[in-house]
Amino acid sequence: EKGAEWEVTPGGMVVQKRDPESGPPAAVVPTIRVKVK
């Protein structure tokens, strides 16, 4: 009913289907606080 964008995980959860060609999610670049005198 949801369509081709969804799939069932081995644990039985209905989740959004992942693109097999897409790599791992990019790491989040942290924001830092710089003290400038």
Full PDB file with SEQRES, HELIX, SHEET, SSBOND, CRYST1, ORIGX, SCALE, CONECT and MASTER records, all heavy atoms in Angstrom:
SEQRES   1 A   37  GLU LYS GLY ALA GLU TRP GLU VAL THR PRO GLY GLY MET          
SEQRES   2 A   37  VAL VAL GLN LYS ARG ASP PRO GLU SER GLY PRO PRO ALA          
SEQRES   3 A   37  ALA VAL VAL PRO THR ILE ARG VAL LYS VAL LYS                  
SHEET    1 AA1 2 TRP A   6  VAL A   8  0                                        
SHEET    2 AA1 2 VAL A  14  GLN A  16 -1                                        
CRYST1    1.000    1.000    1.000  90.00  90.00  90.00 P 1           1          
ORIGX1      1.000000  0.000000  0.000000        0.00000                         
ORIGX2      0.000000  1.000000  0.000000        0.00000                         
ORIGX3      0.000000  0.000000  1.000000        0.00000                         
SCALE1      1.000000  0.000000  0.000000        0.00000                         
SCALE2      0.000000  1.000000  0.000000        0.00000                         
SCALE3      0.000000  0.000000  1.000000        0.00000                         
ATOM      1  N   GLU A   1       0.821  -1.207   0.000  1.00  0.00           N  
ATOM      2  CA  GLU A   1       0.000   0.000   0.000  1.00  0.00           C  
ATOM      3  C   GLU A   1       0.860   1.263   0.000  1.00  0.00           C  
ATOM      4  O   GLU A   1       0.533   2.257  -0.628  1.00  0.00           O  
ATOM      5  CB  GLU A   1      -0.923   0.007   1.231  1.00  0.00           C  
ATOM      6  CG  GLU A   1      -2.026  -1.048   1.139  1.00  0.00           C  
ATOM      7  CD  GLU A   1      -2.896  -1.047   2.373  1.00  0.00           C  
ATOM      8  OE1 GLU A   1      -2.517  -0.349   3.342  1.00  0.00           O  
ATOM      9  OE2 GLU A   1      -3.936  -1.722   2.388  1.00  0.00           O  
ATOM     10  N   LYS A   2       1.991   1.229   0.723  1.00  0.00           N  
ATOM     11  CA  LYS A   2       2.863   2.388   0.793  1.00  0.00           C  
ATOM     12  C   LYS A   2       3.630   2.615  -0.504  1.00  0.00           C  
ATOM     13  O   LYS A   2       4.007   3.725  -0.832  1.00  0.00           O  
ATOM     14  CB  LYS A   2       3.862   2.234   1.964  1.00  0.00           C  
ATOM     15  CG  LYS A   2       3.227   2.490   3.323  1.00  0.00           C  
ATOM     16  CD  LYS A   2       4.266   2.360   4.417  1.00  0.00           C  
ATOM     17  CE  LYS A   2       3.687   2.740   5.764  1.00  0.00           C  
ATOM     18  NZ  LYS A   2       3.424   4.190   5.854  1.00  0.00           N  
ATOM     19  N   GLY A   3       3.877   1.552  -1.237  1.00  0.00           N  
ATOM     20  CA  GLY A   3       4.569   1.700  -2.514  1.00  0.00           C  
ATOM     21  C   GLY A   3       5.988   1.166  -2.446  1.00  0.00           C  
ATOM     22  O   GLY A   3       6.433   0.593  -1.437  1.00  0.00           O  
ATOM     23  N   ALA A   4       6.726   1.413  -3.556  1.00  0.00           N  
ATOM     24  CA  ALA A   4       8.059   0.826  -3.703  1.00  0.00           C  
ATOM     25  C   ALA A   4       9.104   1.482  -2.824  1.00  0.00           C  
ATOM     26  O   ALA A   4      10.227   1.008  -2.731  1.00  0.00           O  
ATOM     27  CB  ALA A   4       8.489   0.914  -5.167  1.00  0.00           C  
ATOM     28  N   GLU A   5       8.797   2.618  -2.162  1.00  0.00           N  
ATOM     29  CA  GLU A   5       9.788   3.306  -1.351  1.00  0.00           C  
ATOM     30  C   GLU A   5       9.922   2.708   0.042  1.00  0.00           C  
ATOM     31  O   GLU A   5      10.713   3.202   0.842  1.00  0.00           O  
ATOM     32  CB  GLU A   5       9.410   4.788  -1.233  1.00  0.00           C  
ATOM     33  CG  GLU A   5       9.457   5.527  -2.568  1.00  0.00           C  
ATOM     34  CD  GLU A   5       9.108   6.983  -2.396  1.00  0.00           C  
ATOM     35  OE1 GLU A   5       8.756   7.371  -1.255  1.00  0.00           O  
ATOM     36  OE2 GLU A   5       9.178   7.741  -3.380  1.00  0.00           O  
ATOM     37  N   TRP A   6       9.164   1.683   0.351  1.00  0.00           N  
ATOM     38  CA  TRP A   6       9.173   1.107   1.698  1.00  0.00           C  
ATOM     39  C   TRP A   6       9.525  -0.376   1.637  1.00  0.00           C  
ATOM     40  O   TRP A   6       9.336  -1.046   0.635  1.00  0.00           O  
ATOM     41  CB  TRP A   6       7.807   1.298   2.364  1.00  0.00           C  
ATOM     42  CG  TRP A   6       7.446   2.746   2.513  1.00  0.00           C  
ATOM     43  CD1 TRP A   6       6.872   3.552   1.569  1.00  0.00           C  
ATOM     44  CD2 TRP A   6       7.682   3.572   3.641  1.00  0.00           C  
ATOM     45  NE1 TRP A   6       6.725   4.819   2.040  1.00  0.00           N  
ATOM     46  CE2 TRP A   6       7.200   4.873   3.314  1.00  0.00           C  
ATOM     47  CE3 TRP A   6       8.224   3.348   4.926  1.00  0.00           C  
ATOM     48  CZ2 TRP A   6       7.268   5.933   4.209  1.00  0.00           C  
ATOM     49  CZ3 TRP A   6       8.283   4.405   5.808  1.00  0.00           C  
ATOM     50  CH2 TRP A   6       7.817   5.678   5.454  1.00  0.00           C  
ATOM     51  N   GLU A   7      10.074  -0.911   2.748  1.00  0.00           N  
ATOM     52  CA  GLU A   7      10.455  -2.319   2.842  1.00  0.00           C  
ATOM     53  C   GLU A   7      10.308  -2.793   4.276  1.00  0.00           C  
ATOM     54  O   GLU A   7      10.185  -2.000   5.210  1.00  0.00           O  
ATOM     55  CB  GLU A   7      11.914  -2.498   2.389  1.00  0.00           C  
ATOM     56  CG  GLU A   7      12.936  -1.791   3.278  1.00  0.00           C  
ATOM     57  CD  GLU A   7      14.362  -1.982   2.788  1.00  0.00           C  
ATOM     58  OE1 GLU A   7      14.554  -2.732   1.814  1.00  0.00           O  
ATOM     59  OE2 GLU A   7      15.276  -1.395   3.391  1.00  0.00           O  
ATOM     60  N   VAL A   8      10.303  -4.121   4.426  1.00  0.00           N  
ATOM     61  CA  VAL A   8      10.194  -4.727   5.749  1.00  0.00           C  
ATOM     62  C   VAL A   8      11.565  -5.232   6.178  1.00  0.00           C  
ATOM     63  O   VAL A   8      12.226  -5.957   5.437  1.00  0.00           O  
ATOM     64  CB  VAL A   8       9.194  -5.912   5.737  1.00  0.00           C  
ATOM     65  CG1 VAL A   8       9.085  -6.532   7.130  1.00  0.00           C  
ATOM     66  CG2 VAL A   8       7.837  -5.443   5.264  1.00  0.00           C  
ATOM     67  N   THR A   9      12.012  -4.819   7.351  1.00  0.00           N  
ATOM     68  CA  THR A   9      13.309  -5.256   7.860  1.00  0.00           C  
ATOM     69  C   THR A   9      13.199  -6.677   8.368  1.00  0.00           C  
ATOM     70  O   THR A   9      12.093  -7.183   8.595  1.00  0.00           O  
ATOM     71  CB  THR A   9      13.775  -4.347   9.006  1.00  0.00           C  
ATOM     72  OG1 THR A   9      12.889  -4.526  10.113  1.00  0.00           O  
ATOM     73  CG2 THR A   9      13.774  -2.895   8.586  1.00  0.00           C  
ATOM     74  N   PRO A  10      14.352  -7.376   8.558  1.00  0.00           N  
ATOM     75  CA  PRO A  10      14.308  -8.731   9.123  1.00  0.00           C  
ATOM     76  C   PRO A  10      13.596  -8.784  10.476  1.00  0.00           C  
ATOM     77  O   PRO A  10      13.047  -9.803  10.853  1.00  0.00           O  
ATOM     78  CB  PRO A  10      15.798  -9.083   9.259  1.00  0.00           C  
ATOM     79  CG  PRO A  10      16.462  -8.278   8.181  1.00  0.00           C  
ATOM     80  CD  PRO A  10      15.701  -6.991   8.145  1.00  0.00           C  
ATOM     81  N   GLY A  11      13.601  -7.686  11.192  1.00  0.00           N  
ATOM     82  CA  GLY A  11      12.925  -7.653  12.486  1.00  0.00           C  
ATOM     83  C   GLY A  11      11.430  -7.402  12.379  1.00  0.00           C  
ATOM     84  O   GLY A  11      10.720  -7.361  13.383  1.00  0.00           O  
ATOM     85  N   GLY A  12      10.941  -7.193  11.153  1.00  0.00           N  
ATOM     86  CA  GLY A  12       9.514  -7.009  10.959  1.00  0.00           C  
ATOM     87  C   GLY A  12       9.058  -5.571  10.928  1.00  0.00           C  
ATOM     88  O   GLY A  12       7.857  -5.310  10.883  1.00  0.00           O  
ATOM     89  N   MET A  13       9.980  -4.579  10.931  1.00  0.00           N  
ATOM     90  CA  MET A  13       9.595  -3.173  10.909  1.00  0.00           C  
ATOM     91  C   MET A  13       9.459  -2.679   9.474  1.00  0.00           C  
ATOM     92  O   MET A  13      10.239  -3.065   8.599  1.00  0.00           O  
ATOM     93  CB  MET A  13      10.633  -2.321  11.645  1.00  0.00           C  
ATOM     94  CG  MET A  13      10.731  -2.604  13.129  1.00  0.00           C  
ATOM     95  SD  MET A  13      11.982  -1.551  13.921  1.00  0.00           S  
ATOM     96  CE  MET A  13      11.271   0.072  13.594  1.00  0.00           C  
ATOM     97  N   VAL A  14       8.459  -1.849   9.240  1.00  0.00           N  
ATOM     98  CA  VAL A  14       8.276  -1.227   7.940  1.00  0.00           C  
ATOM     99  C   VAL A  14       9.060   0.077   7.926  1.00  0.00           C  
ATOM    100  O   VAL A  14       8.777   0.990   8.704  1.00  0.00           O  
ATOM    101  CB  VAL A  14       6.783  -0.936   7.661  1.00  0.00           C  
ATOM    102  CG1 VAL A  14       6.630  -0.252   6.295  1.00  0.00           C  
ATOM    103  CG2 VAL A  14       5.978  -2.216   7.705  1.00  0.00           C  
ATOM    104  N   VAL A  15      10.073   0.155   7.075  1.00  0.00           N  
ATOM    105  CA  VAL A  15      10.936   1.327   7.020  1.00  0.00           C  
ATOM    106  C   VAL A  15      11.070   1.792   5.578  1.00  0.00           C  
ATOM    107  O   VAL A  15      10.709   1.066   4.634  1.00  0.00           O  
ATOM    108  CB  VAL A  15      12.341   1.027   7.591  1.00  0.00           C  
ATOM    109  CG1 VAL A  15      12.266   0.649   9.059  1.00  0.00           C  
ATOM    110  CG2 VAL A  15      13.020  -0.098   6.799  1.00  0.00           C  
ATOM    111  N   GLN A  16      11.604   3.025   5.409  1.00  0.00           N  
ATOM    112  CA  GLN A  16      11.838   3.542   4.066  1.00  0.00           C  
ATOM    113  C   GLN A  16      12.980   2.771   3.428  1.00  0.00           C  
ATOM    114  O   GLN A  16      14.005   2.509   4.053  1.00  0.00           O  
ATOM    115  CB  GLN A  16      12.170   5.034   4.126  1.00  0.00           C  
ATOM    116  CG  GLN A  16      12.155   5.704   2.759  1.00  0.00           C  
ATOM    117  CD  GLN A  16      12.250   7.217   2.879  1.00  0.00           C  
ATOM    118  OE1 GLN A  16      12.443   7.731   3.968  1.00  0.00           O  
ATOM    119  NE2 GLN A  16      12.097   7.924   1.768  1.00  0.00           N  
ATOM    120  N   LYS A  17      12.779   2.383   2.187  1.00  0.00           N  
ATOM    121  CA  LYS A  17      13.773   1.582   1.492  1.00  0.00           C  
ATOM    122  C   LYS A  17      15.051   2.378   1.261  1.00  0.00           C  
ATOM    123  O   LYS A  17      15.006   3.538   0.873  1.00  0.00           O  
ATOM    124  CB  LYS A  17      13.214   1.109   0.151  1.00  0.00           C  
ATOM    125  CG  LYS A  17      14.150   0.152  -0.610  1.00  0.00           C  
ATOM    126  CD  LYS A  17      13.528  -0.297  -1.919  1.00  0.00           C  
ATOM    127  CE  LYS A  17      12.311  -1.158  -1.681  1.00  0.00           C  
ATOM    128  NZ  LYS A  17      11.767  -1.704  -2.959  1.00  0.00           N  
ATOM    129  N   ARG A  18      16.196   1.771   1.499  1.00  0.00           N  
ATOM    130  CA  ARG A  18      17.486   2.415   1.296  1.00  0.00           C  
ATOM    131  C   ARG A  18      18.007   2.149  -0.097  1.00  0.00           C  
ATOM    132  O   ARG A  18      17.777   1.086  -0.668  1.00  0.00           O  
ATOM    133  CB  ARG A  18      18.493   1.896   2.325  1.00  0.00           C  
ATOM    134  CG  ARG A  18      18.216   2.327   3.750  1.00  0.00           C  
ATOM    135  CD  ARG A  18      19.036   1.554   4.738  1.00  0.00           C  
ATOM    136  NE  ARG A  18      18.625   0.132   4.741  1.00  0.00           N  
ATOM    137  CZ  ARG A  18      19.177  -0.786   5.535  1.00  0.00           C  
ATOM    138  NH1 ARG A  18      20.135  -0.455   6.361  1.00  0.00           N  
ATOM    139  NH2 ARG A  18      18.750  -2.031   5.487  1.00  0.00           N  
ATOM    140  N   ASP A  19      18.715   3.138  -0.645  1.00  0.00           N  
ATOM    141  CA  ASP A  19      19.323   2.988  -1.959  1.00  0.00           C  
ATOM    142  C   ASP A  19      20.590   2.160  -1.815  1.00  0.00           C  
ATOM    143  O   ASP A  19      21.543   2.582  -1.153  1.00  0.00           O  
ATOM    144  CB  ASP A  19      19.664   4.367  -2.538  1.00  0.00           C  
ATOM    145  CG  ASP A  19      20.214   4.270  -3.965  1.00  0.00           C  
ATOM    146  OD1 ASP A  19      20.350   3.138  -4.472  1.00  0.00           O  
ATOM    147  OD2 ASP A  19      20.501   5.327  -4.552  1.00  0.00           O  
ATOM    148  N   PRO A  20      20.622   0.979  -2.433  1.00  0.00           N  
ATOM    149  CA  PRO A  20      21.819   0.131  -2.272  1.00  0.00           C  
ATOM    150  C   PRO A  20      23.084   0.753  -2.827  1.00  0.00           C  
ATOM    151  O   PRO A  20      24.188   0.408  -2.430  1.00  0.00           O  
ATOM    152  CB  PRO A  20      21.443  -1.144  -3.075  1.00  0.00           C  
ATOM    153  CG  PRO A  20      20.388  -0.690  -4.040  1.00  0.00           C  
ATOM    154  CD  PRO A  20      19.625   0.381  -3.329  1.00  0.00           C  
ATOM    155  N   GLU A  21      22.945   1.700  -3.770  1.00  0.00           N  
ATOM    156  CA  GLU A  21      24.125   2.319  -4.366  1.00  0.00           C  
ATOM    157  C   GLU A  21      24.649   3.484  -3.540  1.00  0.00           C  
ATOM    158  O   GLU A  21      25.764   3.942  -3.747  1.00  0.00           O  
ATOM    159  CB  GLU A  21      23.791   2.814  -5.781  1.00  0.00           C  
ATOM    160  CG  GLU A  21      23.444   1.678  -6.741  1.00  0.00           C  
ATOM    161  CD  GLU A  21      23.177   2.187  -8.139  1.00  0.00           C  
ATOM    162  OE1 GLU A  21      23.252   3.424  -8.324  1.00  0.00           O  
ATOM    163  OE2 GLU A  21      22.911   1.370  -9.029  1.00  0.00           O  
ATOM    164  N   SER A  22      23.815   3.978  -2.652  1.00  0.00           N  
ATOM    165  CA  SER A  22      24.267   5.106  -1.841  1.00  0.00           C  
ATOM    166  C   SER A  22      25.179   4.615  -0.741  1.00  0.00           C  
ATOM    167  O   SER A  22      24.943   3.567  -0.137  1.00  0.00           O  
ATOM    168  CB  SER A  22      23.072   5.852  -1.239  1.00  0.00           C  
ATOM    169  OG  SER A  22      22.368   4.997  -0.362  1.00  0.00           O  
ATOM    170  N   GLY A  23      26.225   5.351  -0.475  1.00  0.00           N  
ATOM    171  CA  GLY A  23      27.185   4.949   0.553  1.00  0.00           C  
ATOM    172  C   GLY A  23      26.667   5.264   1.937  1.00  0.00           C  
ATOM    173  O   GLY A  23      25.515   5.692   2.116  1.00  0.00           O  
ATOM    174  N   PRO A  24      27.500   5.083   2.925  1.00  0.00           N  
ATOM    175  CA  PRO A  24      27.094   5.397   4.298  1.00  0.00           C  
ATOM    176  C   PRO A  24      26.850   6.899   4.439  1.00  0.00           C  
ATOM    177  O   PRO A  24      27.410   7.696   3.686  1.00  0.00           O  
ATOM    178  CB  PRO A  24      28.300   4.955   5.137  1.00  0.00           C  
ATOM    179  CG  PRO A  24      29.454   4.970   4.176  1.00  0.00           C  
ATOM    180  CD  PRO A  24      28.875   4.588   2.853  1.00  0.00           C  
ATOM    181  N   PRO A  25      25.981   7.307   5.336  1.00  0.00           N  
ATOM    182  CA  PRO A  25      25.691   8.735   5.507  1.00  0.00           C  
ATOM    183  C   PRO A  25      26.948   9.526   5.834  1.00  0.00           C  
ATOM    184  O   PRO A  25      27.824   9.057   6.560  1.00  0.00           O  
ATOM    185  CB  PRO A  25      24.693   8.764   6.679  1.00  0.00           C  
ATOM    186  CG  PRO A  25      24.911   7.460   7.392  1.00  0.00           C  
ATOM    187  CD  PRO A  25      25.287   6.484   6.334  1.00  0.00           C  
ATOM    188  N   ALA A  26      27.040  10.709   5.262  1.00  0.00           N  
ATOM    189  CA  ALA A  26      28.222  11.534   5.482  1.00  0.00           C  
ATOM    190  C   ALA A  26      28.315  11.972   6.936  1.00  0.00           C  
ATOM    191  O   ALA A  26      27.304  12.216   7.591  1.00  0.00           O  
ATOM    192  CB  ALA A  26      28.168  12.770   4.575  1.00  0.00           C  
ATOM    193  N   ALA A  27      29.534  12.011   7.438  1.00  0.00           N  
ATOM    194  CA  ALA A  27      29.739  12.408   8.830  1.00  0.00           C  
ATOM    195  C   ALA A  27      29.378  13.880   9.002  1.00  0.00           C  
ATOM    196  O   ALA A  27      29.656  14.698   8.132  1.00  0.00           O  
ATOM    197  CB  ALA A  27      31.193  12.169   9.220  1.00  0.00           C  
ATOM    198  N   VAL A  28      28.761  14.195  10.084  1.00  0.00           N  
ATOM    199  CA  VAL A  28      28.368  15.569  10.358  1.00  0.00           C  
ATOM    200  C   VAL A  28      29.600  16.366  10.779  1.00  0.00           C  
ATOM    201  O   VAL A  28      30.340  15.963  11.677  1.00  0.00           O  
ATOM    202  CB  VAL A  28      27.306  15.622  11.478  1.00  0.00           C  
ATOM    203  CG1 VAL A  28      26.939  17.067  11.790  1.00  0.00           C  
ATOM    204  CG2 VAL A  28      26.068  14.838  11.066  1.00  0.00           C  
ATOM    205  N   VAL A  29      29.815  17.494  10.096  1.00  0.00           N  
ATOM    206  CA  VAL A  29      30.954  18.352  10.435  1.00  0.00           C  
ATOM    207  C   VAL A  29      30.579  19.164  11.670  1.00  0.00           C  
ATOM    208  O   VAL A  29      29.608  19.911  11.646  1.00  0.00           O  
ATOM    209  CB  VAL A  29      31.305  19.300   9.271  1.00  0.00           C  
ATOM    210  CG1 VAL A  29      32.459  20.207   9.659  1.00  0.00           C  
ATOM    211  CG2 VAL A  29      31.654  18.491   8.020  1.00  0.00           C  
ATOM    212  N   PRO A  30      31.331  19.037  12.737  1.00  0.00           N  
ATOM    213  CA  PRO A  30      30.965  19.742  13.970  1.00  0.00           C  
ATOM    214  C   PRO A  30      31.190  21.248  13.880  1.00  0.00           C  
ATOM    215  O   PRO A  30      32.075  21.720  13.174  1.00  0.00           O  
ATOM    216  CB  PRO A  30      31.894  19.110  15.015  1.00  0.00           C  
ATOM    217  CG  PRO A  30      33.092  18.656  14.231  1.00  0.00           C  
ATOM    218  CD  PRO A  30      32.545  18.215  12.903  1.00  0.00           C  
ATOM    219  N   THR A  31      30.348  21.967  14.592  1.00  0.00           N  
ATOM    220  CA  THR A  31      30.528  23.410  14.744  1.00  0.00           C  
ATOM    221  C   THR A  31      31.280  23.654  16.041  1.00  0.00           C  
ATOM    222  O   THR A  31      30.933  23.096  17.080  1.00  0.00           O  
ATOM    223  CB  THR A  31      29.169  24.128  14.788  1.00  0.00           C  
ATOM    224  OG1 THR A  31      28.495  23.926  13.536  1.00  0.00           O  
ATOM    225  CG2 THR A  31      29.352  25.631  15.022  1.00  0.00           C  
ATOM    226  N   ILE A  32      32.315  24.471  15.958  1.00  0.00           N  
ATOM    227  CA  ILE A  32      33.126  24.729  17.147  1.00  0.00           C  
ATOM    228  C   ILE A  32      32.982  26.191  17.565  1.00  0.00           C  
ATOM    229  O   ILE A  32      32.565  27.036  16.772  1.00  0.00           O  
ATOM    230  CB  ILE A  32      34.613  24.389  16.905  1.00  0.00           C  
ATOM    231  CG1 ILE A  32      35.173  25.225  15.738  1.00  0.00           C  
ATOM    232  CG2 ILE A  32      34.793  22.903  16.629  1.00  0.00           C  
ATOM    233  CD1 ILE A  32      36.661  25.029  15.491  1.00  0.00           C  
ATOM    234  N   ARG A  33      33.341  26.469  18.785  1.00  0.00           N  
ATOM    235  CA  ARG A  33      33.311  27.827  19.306  1.00  0.00           C  
ATOM    236  C   ARG A  33      34.753  28.300  19.466  1.00  0.00           C  
ATOM    237  O   ARG A  33      35.513  27.750  20.248  1.00  0.00           O  
ATOM    238  CB  ARG A  33      32.578  27.880  20.646  1.00  0.00           C  
ATOM    239  CG  ARG A  33      32.542  29.271  21.265  1.00  0.00           C  
ATOM    240  CD  ARG A  33      31.672  29.315  22.494  1.00  0.00           C  
ATOM    241  NE  ARG A  33      32.106  28.347  23.499  1.00  0.00           N  
ATOM    242  CZ  ARG A  33      31.502  28.189  24.688  1.00  0.00           C  
ATOM    243  NH1 ARG A  33      30.440  28.912  24.991  1.00  0.00           N  
ATOM    244  NH2 ARG A  33      31.952  27.302  25.545  1.00  0.00           N  
ATOM    245  N   VAL A  34      35.092  29.319  18.677  1.00  0.00           N  
ATOM    246  CA  VAL A  34      36.454  29.861  18.701  1.00  0.00           C  
ATOM    247  C   VAL A  34      36.438  31.187  19.455  1.00  0.00           C  
ATOM    248  O   VAL A  34      35.616  32.059  19.179  1.00  0.00           O  
ATOM    249  CB  VAL A  34      36.997  30.069  17.272  1.00  0.00           C  
ATOM    250  CG1 VAL A  34      38.415  30.628  17.316  1.00  0.00           C  
ATOM    251  CG2 VAL A  34      36.976  28.766  16.489  1.00  0.00           C  
ATOM    252  N   LYS A  35      37.346  31.326  20.401  1.00  0.00           N  
ATOM    253  CA  LYS A  35      37.450  32.572  21.162  1.00  0.00           C  
ATOM    254  C   LYS A  35      38.536  33.438  20.530  1.00  0.00           C  
ATOM    255  O   LYS A  35      39.710  33.078  20.527  1.00  0.00           O  
ATOM    256  CB  LYS A  35      37.795  32.265  22.617  1.00  0.00           C  
ATOM    257  CG  LYS A  35      36.687  31.544  23.376  1.00  0.00           C  
ATOM    258  CD  LYS A  35      37.046  31.368  24.842  1.00  0.00           C  
ATOM    259  CE  LYS A  35      35.899  30.735  25.617  1.00  0.00           C  
ATOM    260  NZ  LYS A  35      36.205  30.597  27.066  1.00  0.00           N  
ATOM    261  N   VAL A  36      38.109  34.548  19.971  1.00  0.00           N  
ATOM    262  CA  VAL A  36      39.039  35.452  19.278  1.00  0.00           C  
ATOM    263  C   VAL A  36      39.276  36.679  20.151  1.00  0.00           C  
ATOM    264  O   VAL A  36      38.332  37.404  20.484  1.00  0.00           O  
ATOM    265  CB  VAL A  36      38.481  35.874  17.910  1.00  0.00           C  
ATOM    266  CG1 VAL A  36      39.483  36.778  17.189  1.00  0.00           C  
ATOM    267  CG2 VAL A  36      38.176  34.645  17.058  1.00  0.00           C  
ATOM    268  N   LYS A  37      40.531  36.920  20.490  1.00  0.00           N  
ATOM    269  CA  LYS A  37      40.882  38.083  21.310  1.00  0.00           C  
ATOM    270  C   LYS A  37      41.295  39.230  20.424  1.00  0.00           C  
ATOM    271  O   LYS A  37      42.209  39.122  19.620  1.00  0.00           O  
ATOM    272  CB  LYS A  37      42.019  37.734  22.272  1.00  0.00           C  
ATOM    273  CG  LYS A  37      42.391  38.890  23.198  1.00  0.00           C  
ATOM    274  CD  LYS A  37      43.551  38.524  24.108  1.00  0.00           C  
ATOM    275  CE  LYS A  37      43.904  39.691  25.035  1.00  0.00           C  
ATOM    276  NZ  LYS A  37      45.080  39.410  25.874  1.00  0.00           N  
TER     277      LYS A  37                                                      
MASTER        0    0    0    0    2    0    0    6  276    1    0    3          
END                                                                             
